[in-house]
């Protein structure tokens, strides 16, 4: 355990940030799963709607610094490719 006051604060701040990051990542995974489920069921309309929602969530995560911008682009690209494959 840290003895210095600033180190103790860093630990608390890091825990807070980790909790927020975990929440955001979990939310992104949920939306990605919705797209993948729609693609698996070959439901083009539902997949396109889910893709729009997932894209917004992934971009939000990128803007908050949870994901790198290239990671966001890669995730969106893979989802879009899957959705376009069933259309």
PDB file of N, CA and C in Angstrom:
ATOM      1  N   UNK A   1       0.847  -1.189   0.000  1.00  0.00           N
ATOM      2  CA  UNK A   1       0.000   0.000   0.000  1.00  0.00           C
ATOM      3  C   UNK A   1       0.887   1.245   0.000  1.00  0.00           C
ATOM      4  N   UNK A   2       0.423   2.261  -0.700  1.00  0.00           N
ATOM      5  CA  UNK A   2       1.196   3.499  -0.803  1.00  0.00           C
ATOM      6  C   UNK A   2       1.195   4.256   0.520  1.00  0.00           C
ATOM      7  N   UNK A   3       2.301   4.917   0.796  1.00  0.00           N
ATOM      8  CA  UNK A   3       2.419   5.729   2.009  1.00  0.00           C
ATOM      9  C   UNK A   3       2.258   7.216   1.721  1.00  0.00           C
ATOM     10  N   UNK A   4       2.618   7.614   0.514  1.00  0.00           N
ATOM     11  CA  UNK A   4       2.589   9.031   0.151  1.00  0.00           C
ATOM     12  C   UNK A   4       1.165   9.419  -0.252  1.00  0.00           C
ATOM     13  N   UNK A   5       0.769  10.613   0.164  1.00  0.00           N
ATOM     14  CA  UNK A   5      -0.599  11.069  -0.065  1.00  0.00           C
ATOM     15  C   UNK A   5      -0.951  11.108  -1.559  1.00  0.00           C
ATOM     16  N   UNK A   6      -0.049  11.611  -2.375  1.00  0.00           N
ATOM     17  CA  UNK A   6      -0.329  11.711  -3.810  1.00  0.00           C
ATOM     18  C   UNK A   6      -0.458  10.321  -4.442  1.00  0.00           C
ATOM     19  N   UNK A   7       0.304   9.356  -3.935  1.00  0.00           N
ATOM     20  CA  UNK A   7       0.228   7.992  -4.456  1.00  0.00           C
ATOM     21  C   UNK A   7      -1.102   7.351  -4.083  1.00  0.00           C
ATOM     22  N   UNK A   8      -1.572   7.649  -2.863  1.00  0.00           N
ATOM     23  CA  UNK A   8      -2.887   7.148  -2.440  1.00  0.00           C
ATOM     24  C   UNK A   8      -3.981   7.719  -3.327  1.00  0.00           C
ATOM     25  N   UNK A   9      -3.854   9.008  -3.655  1.00  0.00           N
ATOM     26  CA  UNK A   9      -4.845   9.652  -4.521  1.00  0.00           C
ATOM     27  C   UNK A   9      -4.813   9.027  -5.912  1.00  0.00           C
ATOM     28  N   UNK A  10      -3.625   8.760  -6.427  1.00  0.00           N
ATOM     29  CA  UNK A  10      -3.501   8.142  -7.755  1.00  0.00           C
ATOM     30  C   UNK A  10      -4.230   6.803  -7.786  1.00  0.00           C
ATOM     31  N   UNK A  11      -4.081   6.026  -6.716  1.00  0.00           N
ATOM     32  CA  UNK A  11      -4.750   4.726  -6.639  1.00  0.00           C
ATOM     33  C   UNK A  11      -6.260   4.903  -6.737  1.00  0.00           C
ATOM     34  N   UNK A  12      -6.800   5.862  -5.994  1.00  0.00           N
ATOM     35  CA  UNK A  12      -8.242   6.120  -6.018  1.00  0.00           C
ATOM     36  C   UNK A  12      -8.705   6.586  -7.390  1.00  0.00           C
ATOM     37  N   UNK A  13      -7.935   7.501  -7.975  1.00  0.00           N
ATOM     38  CA  UNK A  13      -8.297   8.026  -9.294  1.00  0.00           C
ATOM     39  C   UNK A  13      -8.251   6.922 -10.344  1.00  0.00           C
ATOM     40  N   UNK A  14      -7.215   6.083 -10.268  1.00  0.00           N
ATOM     41  CA  UNK A  14      -7.086   4.989 -11.229  1.00  0.00           C
ATOM     42  C   UNK A  14      -8.237   3.996 -11.100  1.00  0.00           C
ATOM     43  N   UNK A  15      -8.669   3.726  -9.874  1.00  0.00           N
ATOM     44  CA  UNK A  15      -9.814   2.823  -9.680  1.00  0.00           C
ATOM     45  C   UNK A  15     -11.075   3.411 -10.304  1.00  0.00           C
ATOM     46  N   UNK A  16     -11.273   4.713 -10.123  1.00  0.00           N
ATOM     47  CA  UNK A  16     -12.434   5.388 -10.690  1.00  0.00           C
ATOM     48  C   UNK A  16     -12.422   5.315 -12.206  1.00  0.00           C
ATOM     49  N   UNK A  17     -11.255   5.612 -12.790  1.00  0.00           N
ATOM     50  CA  UNK A  17     -11.130   5.579 -14.250  1.00  0.00           C
ATOM     51  C   UNK A  17     -11.305   4.166 -14.791  1.00  0.00           C
ATOM     52  N   UNK A  18     -10.758   3.180 -14.087  1.00  0.00           N
ATOM     53  CA  UNK A  18     -10.881   1.784 -14.515  1.00  0.00           C
ATOM     54  C   UNK A  18     -12.342   1.346 -14.501  1.00  0.00           C
ATOM     55  N   UNK A  19     -13.083   1.782 -13.494  1.00  0.00           N
ATOM     56  CA  UNK A  19     -14.505   1.443 -13.404  1.00  0.00           C
ATOM     57  C   UNK A  19     -15.274   2.066 -14.565  1.00  0.00           C
ATOM     58  N   UNK A  20     -14.964   3.320 -14.886  1.00  0.00           N
ATOM     59  CA  UNK A  20     -15.642   3.976 -16.011  1.00  0.00           C
ATOM     60  C   UNK A  20     -15.305   3.280 -17.322  1.00  0.00           C
ATOM     61  N   UNK A  21     -14.028   2.968 -17.523  1.00  0.00           N
ATOM     62  CA  UNK A  21     -13.597   2.290 -18.747  1.00  0.00           C
ATOM     63  C   UNK A  21     -14.283   0.938 -18.885  1.00  0.00           C
ATOM     64  N   UNK A  22     -14.378   0.215 -17.776  1.00  0.00           N
ATOM     65  CA  UNK A  22     -15.016  -1.100 -17.798  1.00  0.00           C
ATOM     66  C   UNK A  22     -16.478  -0.975 -18.202  1.00  0.00           C
ATOM     67  N   UNK A  23     -17.139   0.023 -17.663  1.00  0.00           N
ATOM     68  CA  UNK A  23     -18.547   0.266 -17.975  1.00  0.00           C
ATOM     69  C   UNK A  23     -18.729   0.581 -19.456  1.00  0.00           C
ATOM     70  N   UNK A  24     -17.881   1.448 -19.987  1.00  0.00           N
ATOM     71  CA  UNK A  24     -17.984   1.841 -21.392  1.00  0.00           C
ATOM     72  C   UNK A  24     -17.698   0.647 -22.300  1.00  0.00           C
ATOM     73  N   UNK A  25     -16.662  -0.123 -21.981  1.00  0.00           N
ATOM     74  CA  UNK A  25     -16.315  -1.294 -22.796  1.00  0.00           C
ATOM     75  C   UNK A  25     -17.438  -2.326 -22.781  1.00  0.00           C
ATOM     76  N   UNK A  26     -18.041  -2.515 -21.625  1.00  0.00           N
ATOM     77  CA  UNK A  26     -19.149  -3.453 -21.497  1.00  0.00           C
ATOM     78  C   UNK A  26     -20.318  -3.018 -22.372  1.00  0.00           C
ATOM     79  N   UNK A  27     -20.596  -1.712 -22.355  1.00  0.00           N
ATOM     80  CA  UNK A  27     -21.683  -1.155 -23.167  1.00  0.00           C
ATOM     81  C   UNK A  27     -21.416  -1.377 -24.660  1.00  0.00           C
ATOM     82  N   UNK A  28     -20.182  -1.153 -25.086  1.00  0.00           N
ATOM     83  CA  UNK A  28     -19.805  -1.363 -26.484  1.00  0.00           C
ATOM     84  C   UNK A  28     -19.991  -2.829 -26.855  1.00  0.00           C
ATOM     85  N   UNK A  29     -19.546  -3.723 -25.987  1.00  0.00           N
ATOM     86  CA  UNK A  29     -19.669  -5.156 -26.262  1.00  0.00           C
ATOM     87  C   UNK A  29     -21.128  -5.570 -26.425  1.00  0.00           C
ATOM     88  N   UNK A  30     -22.007  -4.976 -25.624  1.00  0.00           N
ATOM     89  CA  UNK A  30     -23.435  -5.285 -25.713  1.00  0.00           C
ATOM     90  C   UNK A  30     -23.978  -4.896 -27.083  1.00  0.00           C
ATOM     91  N   UNK A  31     -23.640  -3.706 -27.547  1.00  0.00           N
ATOM     92  CA  UNK A  31     -24.127  -3.242 -28.849  1.00  0.00           C
ATOM     93  C   UNK A  31     -23.529  -4.052 -29.990  1.00  0.00           C
ATOM     94  N   UNK A  32     -22.259  -4.435 -29.869  1.00  0.00           N
ATOM     95  CA  UNK A  32     -21.615  -5.267 -30.884  1.00  0.00           C
ATOM     96  C   UNK A  32     -22.307  -6.627 -30.952  1.00  0.00           C
ATOM     97  N   UNK A  33     -22.647  -7.161 -29.780  1.00  0.00           N
ATOM     98  CA  UNK A  33     -23.317  -8.457 -29.716  1.00  0.00           C
ATOM     99  C   UNK A  33     -24.684  -8.401 -30.419  1.00  0.00           C
ATOM    100  N   UNK A  34     -25.392  -7.269 -30.274  1.00  0.00           N
ATOM    101  CA  UNK A  34     -26.687  -7.106 -30.935  1.00  0.00           C
ATOM    102  C   UNK A  34     -26.530  -7.169 -32.445  1.00  0.00           C
ATOM    103  N   UNK A  35     -25.478  -6.532 -32.964  1.00  0.00           N
ATOM    104  CA  UNK A  35     -25.224  -6.561 -34.405  1.00  0.00           C
ATOM    105  C   UNK A  35     -24.907  -7.987 -34.846  1.00  0.00           C
ATOM    106  N   UNK A  36     -24.039  -8.659 -34.105  1.00  0.00           N
ATOM    107  CA  UNK A  36     -23.633 -10.018 -34.471  1.00  0.00           C
ATOM    108  C   UNK A  36     -24.806 -10.987 -34.431  1.00  0.00           C
ATOM    109  N   UNK A  37     -25.705 -10.803 -33.471  1.00  0.00           N
ATOM    110  CA  UNK A  37     -26.894 -11.654 -33.381  1.00  0.00           C
ATOM    111  C   UNK A  37     -27.794 -11.446 -34.590  1.00  0.00           C
ATOM    112  N   UNK A  38     -28.002 -10.180 -34.967  1.00  0.00           N
ATOM    113  CA  UNK A  38     -28.839  -9.871 -36.128  1.00  0.00           C
ATOM    114  C   UNK A  38     -28.222 -10.447 -37.404  1.00  0.00           C
ATOM    115  N   UNK A  39     -26.903 -10.382 -37.518  1.00  0.00           N
ATOM    116  CA  UNK A  39     -26.211 -10.931 -38.691  1.00  0.00           C
ATOM    117  C   UNK A  39     -26.363 -12.451 -38.713  1.00  0.00           C
ATOM    118  N   UNK A  40     -26.224 -13.074 -37.550  1.00  0.00           N
ATOM    119  CA  UNK A  40     -26.358 -14.533 -37.470  1.00  0.00           C
ATOM    120  C   UNK A  40     -27.764 -14.988 -37.854  1.00  0.00           C
ATOM    121  N   UNK A  41     -28.773 -14.159 -37.526  1.00  0.00           N
ATOM    122  CA  UNK A  41     -30.164 -14.481 -37.866  1.00  0.00           C
ATOM    123  C   UNK A  41     -30.528 -14.029 -39.275  1.00  0.00           C
ATOM    124  N   UNK A  42     -29.568 -13.455 -39.986  1.00  0.00           N
ATOM    125  CA  UNK A  42     -29.763 -12.962 -41.355  1.00  0.00           C
ATOM    126  C   UNK A  42     -30.896 -11.938 -41.441  1.00  0.00           C
ATOM    127  N   UNK A  43     -31.027 -11.115 -40.421  1.00  0.00           N
ATOM    128  CA  UNK A  43     -32.043 -10.069 -40.368  1.00  0.00           C
ATOM    129  C   UNK A  43     -31.388  -8.744 -40.762  1.00  0.00           C
ATOM    130  N   UNK A  44     -31.489  -8.395 -42.055  1.00  0.00           N
ATOM    131  CA  UNK A  44     -30.768  -7.239 -42.585  1.00  0.00           C
ATOM    132  C   UNK A  44     -31.208  -5.921 -41.949  1.00  0.00           C
ATOM    133  N   UNK A  45     -32.511  -5.725 -41.794  1.00  0.00           N
ATOM    134  CA  UNK A  45     -33.014  -4.464 -41.242  1.00  0.00           C
ATOM    135  C   UNK A  45     -32.561  -4.271 -39.794  1.00  0.00           C
ATOM    136  N   UNK A  46     -32.709  -5.313 -39.001  1.00  0.00           N
ATOM    137  CA  UNK A  46     -32.295  -5.240 -37.594  1.00  0.00           C
ATOM    138  C   UNK A  46     -30.789  -5.036 -37.492  1.00  0.00           C
ATOM    139  N   UNK A  47     -30.039  -5.673 -38.387  1.00  0.00           N
ATOM    140  CA  UNK A  47     -28.582  -5.553 -38.375  1.00  0.00           C
ATOM    141  C   UNK A  47     -28.158  -4.120 -38.695  1.00  0.00           C
ATOM    142  N   UNK A  48     -28.827  -3.501 -39.667  1.00  0.00           N
ATOM    143  CA  UNK A  48     -28.476  -2.120 -40.035  1.00  0.00           C
ATOM    144  C   UNK A  48     -28.795  -1.160 -38.897  1.00  0.00           C
ATOM    145  N   UNK A  49     -29.939  -1.360 -38.261  1.00  0.00           N
ATOM    146  CA  UNK A  49     -30.315  -0.508 -37.132  1.00  0.00           C
ATOM    147  C   UNK A  49     -29.334  -0.692 -35.973  1.00  0.00           C
ATOM    148  N   UNK A  50     -28.986  -1.940 -35.695  1.00  0.00           N
ATOM    149  CA  UNK A  50     -28.049  -2.231 -34.606  1.00  0.00           C
ATOM    150  C   UNK A  50     -26.663  -1.674 -34.928  1.00  0.00           C
ATOM    151  N   UNK A  51     -26.294  -1.713 -36.211  1.00  0.00           N
ATOM    152  CA  UNK A  51     -24.990  -1.186 -36.631  1.00  0.00           C
ATOM    153  C   UNK A  51     -24.906   0.314 -36.371  1.00  0.00           C
ATOM    154  N   UNK A  52     -25.992   1.052 -36.653  1.00  0.00           N
ATOM    155  CA  UNK A  52     -26.005   2.495 -36.405  1.00  0.00           C
ATOM    156  C   UNK A  52     -25.783   2.779 -34.919  1.00  0.00           C
ATOM    157  N   UNK A  53     -26.509   2.049 -34.066  1.00  0.00           N
ATOM    158  CA  UNK A  53     -26.374   2.242 -32.617  1.00  0.00           C
ATOM    159  C   UNK A  53     -24.972   1.879 -32.143  1.00  0.00           C
ATOM    160  N   UNK A  54     -24.454   0.765 -32.656  1.00  0.00           N
ATOM    161  CA  UNK A  54     -23.124   0.309 -32.247  1.00  0.00           C
ATOM    162  C   UNK A  54     -22.050   1.307 -32.673  1.00  0.00           C
ATOM    163  N   UNK A  55     -22.206   1.871 -33.865  1.00  0.00           N
ATOM    164  CA  UNK A  55     -21.235   2.840 -34.365  1.00  0.00           C
ATOM    165  C   UNK A  55     -21.170   4.058 -33.445  1.00  0.00           C
ATOM    166  N   UNK A  56     -22.334   4.538 -33.022  1.00  0.00           N
ATOM    167  CA  UNK A  56     -22.381   5.691 -32.112  1.00  0.00           C
ATOM    168  C   UNK A  56     -21.667   5.358 -30.799  1.00  0.00           C
ATOM    169  N   UNK A  57     -21.965   4.200 -30.243  1.00  0.00           N
ATOM    170  CA  UNK A  57     -21.356   3.810 -28.962  1.00  0.00           C
ATOM    171  C   UNK A  57     -19.844   3.640 -29.081  1.00  0.00           C
ATOM    172  N   UNK A  58     -19.394   3.034 -30.171  1.00  0.00           N
ATOM    173  CA  UNK A  58     -17.954   2.829 -30.366  1.00  0.00           C
ATOM    174  C   UNK A  58     -17.249   4.171 -30.511  1.00  0.00           C
ATOM    175  N   UNK A  59     -17.853   5.086 -31.263  1.00  0.00           N
ATOM    176  CA  UNK A  59     -17.247   6.412 -31.428  1.00  0.00           C
ATOM    177  C   UNK A  59     -17.213   7.187 -30.120  1.00  0.00           C
ATOM    178  N   UNK A  60     -18.259   7.036 -29.292  1.00  0.00           N
ATOM    179  CA  UNK A  60     -18.265   7.686 -27.978  1.00  0.00           C
ATOM    180  C   UNK A  60     -17.115   7.154 -27.132  1.00  0.00           C
ATOM    181  N   UNK A  61     -16.927   5.843 -27.165  1.00  0.00           N
ATOM    182  CA  UNK A  61     -15.840   5.235 -26.391  1.00  0.00           C
ATOM    183  C   UNK A  61     -14.490   5.765 -26.869  1.00  0.00           C
ATOM    184  N   UNK A  62     -14.359   5.961 -28.177  1.00  0.00           N
ATOM    185  CA  UNK A  62     -13.118   6.506 -28.727  1.00  0.00           C
ATOM    186  C   UNK A  62     -12.887   7.940 -28.296  1.00  0.00           C
ATOM    187  N   UNK A  63     -13.946   8.726 -28.276  1.00  0.00           N
ATOM    188  CA  UNK A  63     -13.798  10.132 -27.905  1.00  0.00           C
ATOM    189  C   UNK A  63     -13.501  10.296 -26.412  1.00  0.00           C
ATOM    190  N   UNK A  64     -13.932   9.323 -25.601  1.00  0.00           N
ATOM    191  CA  UNK A  64     -13.649   9.367 -24.165  1.00  0.00           C
ATOM    192  C   UNK A  64     -12.256   8.840 -23.833  1.00  0.00           C
ATOM    193  N   UNK A  65     -11.581   8.281 -24.841  1.00  0.00           N
ATOM    194  CA  UNK A  65     -10.235   7.786 -24.622  1.00  0.00           C
ATOM    195  C   UNK A  65     -10.185   6.351 -24.128  1.00  0.00           C
ATOM    196  N   UNK A  66     -11.322   5.659 -24.182  1.00  0.00           N
ATOM    197  CA  UNK A  66     -11.340   4.263 -23.743  1.00  0.00           C
ATOM    198  C   UNK A  66     -10.698   3.383 -24.815  1.00  0.00           C
ATOM    199  N   UNK A  67     -10.988   3.667 -26.082  1.00  0.00           N
ATOM    200  CA  UNK A  67     -10.383   2.955 -27.209  1.00  0.00           C
ATOM    201  C   UNK A  67      -9.574   3.933 -28.049  1.00  0.00           C
ATOM    202  N   UNK A  68      -8.529   3.437 -28.686  1.00  0.00           N
ATOM    203  CA  UNK A  68      -7.768   4.211 -29.654  1.00  0.00           C
ATOM    204  C   UNK A  68      -8.625   4.399 -30.895  1.00  0.00           C
ATOM    205  N   UNK A  69      -8.416   5.491 -31.629  1.00  0.00           N
ATOM    206  CA  UNK A  69      -9.279   5.772 -32.772  1.00  0.00           C
ATOM    207  C   UNK A  69      -9.176   4.698 -33.856  1.00  0.00           C
ATOM    208  N   UNK A  70      -8.005   4.104 -34.013  1.00  0.00           N
ATOM    209  CA  UNK A  70      -7.858   3.039 -35.016  1.00  0.00           C
ATOM    210  C   UNK A  70      -8.603   1.774 -34.580  1.00  0.00           C
ATOM    211  N   UNK A  71      -8.649   1.536 -33.294  1.00  0.00           N
ATOM    212  CA  UNK A  71      -9.400   0.397 -32.775  1.00  0.00           C
ATOM    213  C   UNK A  71     -10.876   0.593 -33.065  1.00  0.00           C
ATOM    214  N   UNK A  72     -11.355   1.809 -32.867  1.00  0.00           N
ATOM    215  CA  UNK A  72     -12.759   2.123 -33.155  1.00  0.00           C
ATOM    216  C   UNK A  72     -13.052   1.894 -34.631  1.00  0.00           C
ATOM    217  N   UNK A  73     -12.184   2.393 -35.477  1.00  0.00           N
ATOM    218  CA  UNK A  73     -12.370   2.245 -36.918  1.00  0.00           C
ATOM    219  C   UNK A  73     -12.391   0.781 -37.314  1.00  0.00           C
ATOM    220  N   UNK A  74     -11.506  -0.003 -36.723  1.00  0.00           N
ATOM    221  CA  UNK A  74     -11.434  -1.422 -37.049  1.00  0.00           C
ATOM    222  C   UNK A  74     -12.697  -2.158 -36.635  1.00  0.00           C
ATOM    223  N   UNK A  75     -13.186  -1.859 -35.427  1.00  0.00           N
ATOM    224  CA  UNK A  75     -14.410  -2.499 -34.935  1.00  0.00           C
ATOM    225  C   UNK A  75     -15.598  -2.158 -35.835  1.00  0.00           C
ATOM    226  N   UNK A  76     -15.738  -0.877 -36.171  1.00  0.00           N
ATOM    227  CA  UNK A  76     -16.847  -0.430 -37.011  1.00  0.00           C
ATOM    228  C   UNK A  76     -16.759  -1.058 -38.395  1.00  0.00           C
ATOM    229  N   UNK A  77     -15.553  -1.109 -38.939  1.00  0.00           N
ATOM    230  CA  UNK A  77     -15.339  -1.680 -40.267  1.00  0.00           C
ATOM    231  C   UNK A  77     -15.730  -3.150 -40.313  1.00  0.00           C
ATOM    232  N   UNK A  78     -15.342  -3.901 -39.291  1.00  0.00           N
ATOM    233  CA  UNK A  78     -15.659  -5.333 -39.264  1.00  0.00           C
ATOM    234  C   UNK A  78     -17.158  -5.561 -39.145  1.00  0.00           C
ATOM    235  N   UNK A  79     -17.812  -4.736 -38.320  1.00  0.00           N
ATOM    236  CA  UNK A  79     -19.259  -4.862 -38.175  1.00  0.00           C
ATOM    237  C   UNK A  79     -19.967  -4.506 -39.480  1.00  0.00           C
ATOM    238  N   UNK A  80     -19.527  -3.420 -40.119  1.00  0.00           N
ATOM    239  CA  UNK A  80     -20.140  -2.980 -41.376  1.00  0.00           C
ATOM    240  C   UNK A  80     -19.957  -4.039 -42.459  1.00  0.00           C
ATOM    241  N   UNK A  81     -18.792  -4.640 -42.480  1.00  0.00           N
ATOM    242  CA  UNK A  81     -18.509  -5.689 -43.478  1.00  0.00           C
ATOM    243  C   UNK A  81     -19.448  -6.883 -43.260  1.00  0.00           C
ATOM    244  N   UNK A  82     -19.663  -7.243 -42.005  1.00  0.00           N
ATOM    245  CA  UNK A  82     -20.555  -8.365 -41.686  1.00  0.00           C
ATOM    246  C   UNK A  82     -21.993  -8.045 -42.098  1.00  0.00           C
ATOM    247  N   UNK A  83     -22.428  -6.814 -41.803  1.00  0.00           N
ATOM    248  CA  UNK A  83     -23.805  -6.406 -42.139  1.00  0.00           C
ATOM    249  C   UNK A  83     -23.984  -6.356 -43.661  1.00  0.00           C
ATOM    250  N   UNK A  84     -22.999  -5.818 -44.369  1.00  0.00           N
ATOM    251  CA  UNK A  84     -23.090  -5.734 -45.825  1.00  0.00           C
ATOM    252  C   UNK A  84     -23.046  -7.112 -46.467  1.00  0.00           C
ATOM    253  N   UNK A  85     -22.456  -8.060 -45.785  1.00  0.00           N
ATOM    254  CA  UNK A  85     -22.370  -9.428 -46.309  1.00  0.00           C
ATOM    255  C   UNK A  85     -23.720 -10.128 -46.369  1.00  0.00           C
ATOM    256  N   UNK A  86     -24.650  -9.733 -45.505  1.00  0.00           N
ATOM    257  CA  UNK A  86     -25.964 -10.397 -45.520  1.00  0.00           C
ATOM    258  C   UNK A  86     -26.987  -9.622 -46.356  1.00  0.00           C
ATOM    259  N   UNK A  87     -26.647  -8.378 -46.716  1.00  0.00           N
ATOM    260  CA  UNK A  87     -27.608  -7.530 -47.438  1.00  0.00           C
ATOM    261  C   UNK A  87     -27.799  -8.007 -48.875  1.00  0.00           C
TER     262      UNK A  87
END
